[in-house]
Amino acid sequence: MAFEDFSEKYLDAYVRVENKSVSTQTCLIKNLARHFQNRYLHQISALDIREYMAARLDKVSPSSVNRSLAAIKCMFNRAIEWGIVSNNQIRVIKRLAENNERCRWLNEEEQNRLLS
C-alpha cells in the first residue's frame, strides 16, 4: 500500500475515531505523506526515517521531530495490526534528546508574591 493512501486510511480509521488531537495529527501526517510520497509502506526503512528526522532538524526543534517520530511509529503499529505490513523496523529508532529549559523572568506581581 502506498504511504499516502495509508495515511488517509490511518486518519479516518484511527485518529478521528480515537479522538487523537485531530488537527495536530493531521498536520504531522500530511507532512510525512509529502516526504514519503510515491513510496510503499514496506519500502520505508529505519534509515529513511533517520534521514527524514535529520532533514526536519534543519527546520524545527528536536521535540517537534519526536512528535513526527511518534506519529509514524504509531502508523506502522496500526499497519501491522490491520495486516498491511508484517513488521515495524521503525520501532528501534530512539527519540532525540529534548532541551525544554527556558529562561523566564518574574513579572512584578510574581516578584511581590514570592517576596511576601
Protein backbone atom coordinates (compact mmCIF):
# COMPACT_ATOMS: atom_id res chain seq x y z
CA MET A 1 0.00 0.00 0.00
CA ALA A 2 1.26 3.49 -0.84
CA PHE A 3 2.15 5.67 2.14
CA GLU A 4 -0.22 8.46 1.01
CA ASP A 5 -3.14 6.02 0.79
CA PHE A 6 -2.35 4.51 4.16
CA SER A 7 -2.02 7.95 5.77
CA GLU A 8 -5.59 8.80 4.70
CA LYS A 9 -6.87 5.44 5.97
CA TYR A 10 -4.99 5.97 9.26
CA LEU A 11 -6.50 9.44 9.73
CA ASP A 12 -10.02 8.20 9.03
CA ALA A 13 -9.93 4.87 10.84
CA TYR A 14 -7.72 5.66 13.82
CA VAL A 15 -7.07 9.33 14.53
CA ARG A 16 -10.63 10.57 14.03
CA VAL A 17 -12.16 7.54 15.78
CA GLU A 18 -9.85 7.69 18.77
CA ASN A 19 -10.19 11.50 19.11
CA LYS A 20 -6.43 11.94 18.98
CA SER A 21 -5.87 15.72 18.61
CA VAL A 22 -7.07 15.53 15.03
CA SER A 23 -5.71 18.85 13.78
CA THR A 24 -2.21 18.28 15.15
CA GLN A 25 -2.07 14.68 13.93
CA THR A 26 -3.40 15.68 10.50
CA CYS A 27 -0.64 18.25 10.11
CA LEU A 28 2.06 15.77 11.17
CA ILE A 29 0.76 13.04 8.90
CA LYS A 30 0.34 15.32 5.87
CA ASN A 31 3.97 16.38 6.30
CA LEU A 32 5.06 12.72 6.47
CA ALA A 33 2.94 11.89 3.41
CA ARG A 34 4.59 14.68 1.41
CA HIS A 35 8.03 13.40 2.35
CA PHE A 36 7.25 9.75 1.60
CA GLN A 37 5.06 10.30 -1.45
CA ASN A 38 5.27 7.63 -4.16
CA ARG A 39 6.69 5.15 -1.62
CA TYR A 40 5.09 1.96 -0.38
CA LEU A 41 4.97 1.20 3.34
CA HIS A 42 7.17 -1.87 3.01
CA GLN A 43 9.84 0.26 1.25
CA ILE A 44 10.29 2.67 4.17
CA SER A 45 13.25 1.67 6.32
CA ALA A 46 14.73 2.90 9.57
CA LEU A 47 17.40 4.71 7.52
CA ASP A 48 14.68 6.56 5.58
CA ILE A 49 13.15 7.71 8.86
CA ARG A 50 16.53 8.84 10.20
CA GLU A 51 17.11 10.85 7.01
CA TYR A 52 13.67 12.41 7.43
CA MET A 53 14.48 13.30 11.03
CA ALA A 54 17.80 14.89 10.01
CA ALA A 55 16.08 16.97 7.34
CA ARG A 56 13.39 18.11 9.81
CA LEU A 57 16.01 19.12 12.39
CA ASP A 58 17.14 21.85 10.00
CA LYS A 59 13.69 23.44 10.30
CA VAL A 60 12.20 22.52 13.67
CA SER A 61 13.17 21.64 17.23
CA PRO A 62 14.02 18.12 18.45
CA SER A 63 10.69 17.93 20.28
CA SER A 64 8.82 18.53 17.01
CA VAL A 65 10.86 15.82 15.31
CA ASN A 66 10.00 13.49 18.19
CA ARG A 67 6.27 14.16 17.63
CA SER A 68 6.66 13.15 13.98
CA LEU A 69 8.60 10.05 15.00
CA ALA A 70 5.86 9.08 17.46
CA ALA A 71 3.23 9.55 14.75
CA ILE A 72 4.99 7.35 12.20
CA LYS A 73 5.70 4.67 14.81
CA CYS A 74 2.01 4.59 15.67
CA MET A 75 1.12 4.47 11.97
CA PHE A 76 3.33 1.43 11.44
CA ASN A 77 1.91 -0.26 14.54
CA ARG A 78 -1.61 0.19 13.12
CA ALA A 79 -0.41 -1.12 9.73
CA ILE A 80 0.77 -4.30 11.46
CA GLU A 81 -2.46 -4.55 13.44
CA TRP A 82 -4.50 -4.19 10.23
CA GLY A 83 -2.39 -6.74 8.32
CA ILE A 84 -0.90 -4.28 5.82
CA VAL A 85 2.76 -4.83 6.75
CA SER A 86 4.42 -7.61 8.70
CA ASN A 87 6.99 -5.76 10.81
CA ASN A 88 7.87 -2.33 12.18
CA GLN A 89 11.53 -1.54 11.55
CA ILE A 90 10.97 1.96 12.91
CA ARG A 91 10.40 0.78 16.49
CA VAL A 92 14.17 0.61 17.03
CA ILE A 93 14.66 4.35 16.43
CA LYS A 94 15.15 6.28 19.65
CA ARG A 95 13.74 9.70 20.38
CA LEU A 96 16.03 12.72 20.21
CA ALA A 97 17.14 14.44 23.39
CA GLU A 98 14.97 17.45 24.15
CA ASN A 99 16.14 20.56 25.88
CA ASN A 100 12.96 22.07 27.28
CA GLU A 101 14.67 24.53 29.60
CA ARG A 102 13.81 28.17 29.25
CA CYS A 103 14.92 31.34 30.88
CA ARG A 104 11.96 33.15 32.40
CA TRP A 105 11.70 36.35 34.36
CA LEU A 106 9.13 37.00 37.03
CA ASN A 107 6.76 39.87 36.43
CA GLU A 108 6.21 42.45 39.17
CA GLU A 109 3.17 40.73 40.65
CA GLU A 110 5.01 37.37 40.83
CA GLN A 111 8.00 39.05 42.47
CA ASN A 112 5.79 40.58 45.16
CA ARG A 113 4.09 37.25 45.85
CA LEU A 114 7.43 35.49 46.07
CA LEU A 115 8.88 38.07 48.47
CA SER A 116 5.81 38.04 50.72
